[in-house]
Amino acid sequence: MAGLLWAIIVILVVLWLIGFVFVHVGGGLIHILLVIAIIILIWNLLTGRGTRA
């Protein structure tokens, strides 16, 4: 589950960077995606649901 969250975070941040650098249209949506990625990251860190071997 943690791997899926990290994948979502990476995808959202990459989409935000692409939109921020190349496309200045729809900036509100792109920043909402970034906020969602940060919330997921913080939630994952606070709950401590990391997979440890």
PDB file of N, CA and C in Angstrom:
ATOM      1  N   MET A   1       0.824  -1.198   0.000  1.00  0.00           N
ATOM      2  CA  MET A   1       0.000   0.000   0.000  1.00  0.00           C
ATOM      3  C   MET A   1       0.864   1.257   0.000  1.00  0.00           C
ATOM      4  N   ALA A   2       1.950   1.222   0.765  1.00  0.00           N
ATOM      5  CA  ALA A   2       2.827   2.399   0.829  1.00  0.00           C
ATOM      6  C   ALA A   2       3.465   2.664  -0.524  1.00  0.00           C
ATOM      7  N   GLY A   3       3.787   1.586  -1.254  1.00  0.00           N
ATOM      8  CA  GLY A   3       4.375   1.755  -2.581  1.00  0.00           C
ATOM      9  C   GLY A   3       3.416   2.457  -3.530  1.00  0.00           C
ATOM     10  N   LEU A   4       2.151   2.143  -3.404  1.00  0.00           N
ATOM     11  CA  LEU A   4       1.137   2.788  -4.241  1.00  0.00           C
ATOM     12  C   LEU A   4       1.023   4.268  -3.910  1.00  0.00           C
ATOM     13  N   LEU A   5       1.066   4.603  -2.615  1.00  0.00           N
ATOM     14  CA  LEU A   5       1.002   6.010  -2.220  1.00  0.00           C
ATOM     15  C   LEU A   5       2.199   6.783  -2.760  1.00  0.00           C
ATOM     16  N   TRP A   6       3.389   6.184  -2.659  1.00  0.00           N
ATOM     17  CA  TRP A   6       4.584   6.869  -3.180  1.00  0.00           C
ATOM     18  C   TRP A   6       4.494   7.047  -4.692  1.00  0.00           C
ATOM     19  N   ALA A   7       3.939   6.058  -5.392  1.00  0.00           N
ATOM     20  CA  ALA A   7       3.774   6.176  -6.841  1.00  0.00           C
ATOM     21  C   ALA A   7       2.823   7.319  -7.176  1.00  0.00           C
ATOM     22  N   ILE A   8       1.727   7.436  -6.432  1.00  0.00           N
ATOM     23  CA  ILE A   8       0.770   8.525  -6.654  1.00  0.00           C
ATOM     24  C   ILE A   8       1.432   9.865  -6.383  1.00  0.00           C
ATOM     25  N   ILE A   9       2.211   9.942  -5.305  1.00  0.00           N
ATOM     26  CA  ILE A   9       2.898  11.187  -4.976  1.00  0.00           C
ATOM     27  C   ILE A   9       3.838  11.594  -6.096  1.00  0.00           C
ATOM     28  N   VAL A  10       4.627  10.656  -6.575  1.00  0.00           N
ATOM     29  CA  VAL A  10       5.590  10.967  -7.641  1.00  0.00           C
ATOM     30  C   VAL A  10       4.864  11.408  -8.901  1.00  0.00           C
ATOM     31  N   ILE A  11       3.807  10.705  -9.266  1.00  0.00           N
ATOM     32  CA  ILE A  11       3.054  11.059 -10.475  1.00  0.00           C
ATOM     33  C   ILE A  11       2.461  12.456 -10.352  1.00  0.00           C
ATOM     34  N   LEU A  12       1.859  12.774  -9.211  1.00  0.00           N
ATOM     35  CA  LEU A  12       1.243  14.091  -9.037  1.00  0.00           C
ATOM     36  C   LEU A  12       2.285  15.204  -9.057  1.00  0.00           C
ATOM     37  N   VAL A  13       3.437  14.968  -8.422  1.00  0.00           N
ATOM     38  CA  VAL A  13       4.482  15.995  -8.422  1.00  0.00           C
ATOM     39  C   VAL A  13       5.044  16.192  -9.819  1.00  0.00           C
ATOM     40  N   VAL A  14       5.254  15.101 -10.555  1.00  0.00           N
ATOM     41  CA  VAL A  14       5.759  15.225 -11.933  1.00  0.00           C
ATOM     42  C   VAL A  14       4.753  15.968 -12.802  1.00  0.00           C
ATOM     43  N   LEU A  15       3.473  15.640 -12.667  1.00  0.00           N
ATOM     44  CA  LEU A  15       2.456  16.354 -13.439  1.00  0.00           C
ATOM     45  C   LEU A  15       2.443  17.835 -13.085  1.00  0.00           C
ATOM     46  N   TRP A  16       2.604  18.138 -11.803  1.00  0.00           N
ATOM     47  CA  TRP A  16       2.639  19.536 -11.384  1.00  0.00           C
ATOM     48  C   TRP A  16       3.835  20.255 -11.984  1.00  0.00           C
ATOM     49  N   LEU A  17       5.004  19.615 -11.941  1.00  0.00           N
ATOM     50  CA  LEU A  17       6.208  20.235 -12.501  1.00  0.00           C
ATOM     51  C   LEU A  17       6.064  20.470 -13.999  1.00  0.00           C
ATOM     52  N   ILE A  18       5.527  19.483 -14.710  1.00  0.00           N
ATOM     53  CA  ILE A  18       5.320  19.645 -16.151  1.00  0.00           C
ATOM     54  C   ILE A  18       4.373  20.805 -16.418  1.00  0.00           C
ATOM     55  N   GLY A  19       3.292  20.848 -15.678  1.00  0.00           N
ATOM     56  CA  GLY A  19       2.326  21.930 -15.866  1.00  0.00           C
ATOM     57  C   GLY A  19       2.886  23.282 -15.469  1.00  0.00           C
ATOM     58  N   PHE A  20       3.669  23.313 -14.404  1.00  0.00           N
ATOM     59  CA  PHE A  20       4.220  24.574 -13.925  1.00  0.00           C
ATOM     60  C   PHE A  20       5.266  25.118 -14.881  1.00  0.00           C
ATOM     61  N   VAL A  21       6.086  24.245 -15.438  1.00  0.00           N
ATOM     62  CA  VAL A  21       7.176  24.683 -16.299  1.00  0.00           C
ATOM     63  C   VAL A  21       6.695  24.955 -17.718  1.00  0.00           C
ATOM     64  N   PHE A  22       5.868  24.069 -18.266  1.00  0.00           N
ATOM     65  CA  PHE A  22       5.536  24.148 -19.690  1.00  0.00           C
ATOM     66  C   PHE A  22       4.173  24.761 -19.988  1.00  0.00           C
ATOM     67  N   VAL A  23       3.217  24.557 -19.128  1.00  0.00           N
ATOM     68  CA  VAL A  23       1.856  24.991 -19.429  1.00  0.00           C
ATOM     69  C   VAL A  23       1.346  25.856 -18.285  1.00  0.00           C
ATOM     70  N   HIS A  24       1.199  27.134 -18.536  1.00  0.00           N
ATOM     71  CA  HIS A  24       0.687  28.020 -17.508  1.00  0.00           C
ATOM     72  C   HIS A  24      -0.824  28.202 -17.632  1.00  0.00           C
ATOM     73  N   VAL A  25      -1.486  27.218 -18.224  1.00  0.00           N
ATOM     74  CA  VAL A  25      -2.937  27.222 -18.339  1.00  0.00           C
ATOM     75  C   VAL A  25      -3.486  26.206 -17.344  1.00  0.00           C
ATOM     76  N   GLY A  26      -4.524  26.541 -16.661  1.00  0.00           N
ATOM     77  CA  GLY A  26      -5.098  25.621 -15.691  1.00  0.00           C
ATOM     78  C   GLY A  26      -4.247  25.482 -14.447  1.00  0.00           C
ATOM     79  N   GLY A  27      -3.612  26.556 -14.038  1.00  0.00           N
ATOM     80  CA  GLY A  27      -2.706  26.521 -12.898  1.00  0.00           C
ATOM     81  C   GLY A  27      -3.381  26.097 -11.611  1.00  0.00           C
ATOM     82  N   GLY A  28      -4.643  26.439 -11.455  1.00  0.00           N
ATOM     83  CA  GLY A  28      -5.354  26.059 -10.243  1.00  0.00           C
ATOM     84  C   GLY A  28      -5.431  24.554 -10.081  1.00  0.00           C
ATOM     85  N   LEU A  29      -5.752  23.849 -11.146  1.00  0.00           N
ATOM     86  CA  LEU A  29      -5.855  22.393 -11.092  1.00  0.00           C
ATOM     87  C   LEU A  29      -4.503  21.763 -10.788  1.00  0.00           C
ATOM     88  N   ILE A  30      -3.462  22.283 -11.397  1.00  0.00           N
ATOM     89  CA  ILE A  30      -2.128  21.737 -11.193  1.00  0.00           C
ATOM     90  C   ILE A  30      -1.695  21.918  -9.740  1.00  0.00           C
ATOM     91  N   HIS A  31      -1.992  23.055  -9.153  1.00  0.00           N
ATOM     92  CA  HIS A  31      -1.606  23.279  -7.770  1.00  0.00           C
ATOM     93  C   HIS A  31      -2.453  22.451  -6.809  1.00  0.00           C
ATOM     94  N   ILE A  32      -3.692  22.178  -7.180  1.00  0.00           N
ATOM     95  CA  ILE A  32      -4.516  21.273  -6.370  1.00  0.00           C
ATOM     96  C   ILE A  32      -3.900  19.876  -6.366  1.00  0.00           C
ATOM     97  N   LEU A  33      -3.384  19.434  -7.523  1.00  0.00           N
ATOM     98  CA  LEU A  33      -2.715  18.136  -7.583  1.00  0.00           C
ATOM     99  C   LEU A  33      -1.496  18.111  -6.669  1.00  0.00           C
ATOM    100  N   LEU A  34      -0.745  19.194  -6.633  1.00  0.00           N
ATOM    101  CA  LEU A  34       0.422  19.271  -5.754  1.00  0.00           C
ATOM    102  C   LEU A  34      -0.001  19.206  -4.292  1.00  0.00           C
ATOM    103  N   VAL A  35      -1.052  19.917  -3.934  1.00  0.00           N
ATOM    104  CA  VAL A  35      -1.531  19.897  -2.554  1.00  0.00           C
ATOM    105  C   VAL A  35      -1.975  18.489  -2.173  1.00  0.00           C
ATOM    106  N   ILE A  36      -2.649  17.797  -3.077  1.00  0.00           N
ATOM    107  CA  ILE A  36      -3.072  16.417  -2.808  1.00  0.00           C
ATOM    108  C   ILE A  36      -1.856  15.530  -2.583  1.00  0.00           C
ATOM    109  N   ALA A  37      -0.821  15.691  -3.401  1.00  0.00           N
ATOM    110  CA  ALA A  37       0.395  14.895  -3.247  1.00  0.00           C
ATOM    111  C   ALA A  37       1.056  15.160  -1.901  1.00  0.00           C
ATOM    112  N   ILE A  38       1.104  16.406  -1.480  1.00  0.00           N
ATOM    113  CA  ILE A  38       1.720  16.743  -0.196  1.00  0.00           C
ATOM    114  C   ILE A  38       0.893  16.180   0.959  1.00  0.00           C
ATOM    115  N   ILE A  39      -0.432  16.261   0.863  1.00  0.00           N
ATOM    116  CA  ILE A  39      -1.294  15.706   1.910  1.00  0.00           C
ATOM    117  C   ILE A  39      -1.076  14.198   2.028  1.00  0.00           C
ATOM    118  N   ILE A  40      -0.996  13.504   0.896  1.00  0.00           N
ATOM    119  CA  ILE A  40      -0.771  12.065   0.924  1.00  0.00           C
ATOM    120  C   ILE A  40       0.592  11.753   1.542  1.00  0.00           C
ATOM    121  N   LEU A  41       1.606  12.533   1.196  1.00  0.00           N
ATOM    122  CA  LEU A  41       2.937  12.334   1.757  1.00  0.00           C
ATOM    123  C   LEU A  41       2.922  12.516   3.271  1.00  0.00           C
ATOM    124  N   ILE A  42       2.315  13.594   3.749  1.00  0.00           N
ATOM    125  CA  ILE A  42       2.266  13.862   5.183  1.00  0.00           C
ATOM    126  C   ILE A  42       1.464  12.773   5.899  1.00  0.00           C
ATOM    127  N   TRP A  43       0.352  12.365   5.324  1.00  0.00           N
ATOM    128  CA  TRP A  43      -0.472  11.322   5.927  1.00  0.00           C
ATOM    129  C   TRP A  43       0.324  10.021   6.057  1.00  0.00           C
ATOM    130  N   ASN A  44       1.071   9.698   5.000  1.00  0.00           N
ATOM    131  CA  ASN A  44       1.877   8.477   5.012  1.00  0.00           C
ATOM    132  C   ASN A  44       2.973   8.562   6.071  1.00  0.00           C
ATOM    133  N   LEU A  45       3.585   9.712   6.234  1.00  0.00           N
ATOM    134  CA  LEU A  45       4.638   9.866   7.236  1.00  0.00           C
ATOM    135  C   LEU A  45       4.076   9.836   8.655  1.00  0.00           C
ATOM    136  N   LEU A  46       2.911  10.442   8.869  1.00  0.00           N
ATOM    137  CA  LEU A  46       2.324  10.497  10.202  1.00  0.00           C
ATOM    138  C   LEU A  46       1.766   9.144  10.658  1.00  0.00           C
ATOM    139  N   THR A  47       1.173   8.407   9.747  1.00  0.00           N
ATOM    140  CA  THR A  47       0.597   7.128  10.130  1.00  0.00           C
ATOM    141  C   THR A  47       1.660   6.061  10.282  1.00  0.00           C
ATOM    142  N   GLY A  48       2.820   6.258   9.654  1.00  0.00           N
ATOM    143  CA  GLY A  48       3.924   5.326   9.798  1.00  0.00           C
ATOM    144  C   GLY A  48       3.667   3.972   9.218  1.00  0.00           C
ATOM    145  N   ARG A  49       2.901   3.916   8.164  1.00  0.00           N
ATOM    146  CA  ARG A  49       2.595   2.632   7.533  1.00  0.00           C
ATOM    147  C   ARG A  49       3.652   2.263   6.507  1.00  0.00           C
ATOM    148  N   GLY A  50       4.887   2.334   6.886  1.00  0.00           N
ATOM    149  CA  GLY A  50       5.960   1.950   5.965  1.00  0.00           C
ATOM    150  C   GLY A  50       6.160   0.444   5.964  1.00  0.00           C
ATOM    151  N   THR A  51       6.608  -0.075   4.858  1.00  0.00           N
ATOM    152  CA  THR A  51       6.893  -1.504   4.782  1.00  0.00           C
ATOM    153  C   THR A  51       8.363  -1.696   5.126  1.00  0.00           C
ATOM    154  N   ARG A  52       8.602  -2.347   6.223  1.00  0.00           N
ATOM    155  CA  ARG A  52       9.972  -2.599   6.656  1.00  0.00           C
ATOM    156  C   ARG A  52      10.202  -4.102   6.696  1.00  0.00           C
ATOM    157  N   ALA A  53      11.325  -4.514   6.144  1.00  0.00           N
ATOM    158  CA  ALA A  53      11.639  -5.943   6.088  1.00  0.00           C
ATOM    159  C   ALA A  53      12.276  -6.413   7.381  1.00  0.00           C
TER     160      ALA A  53
END
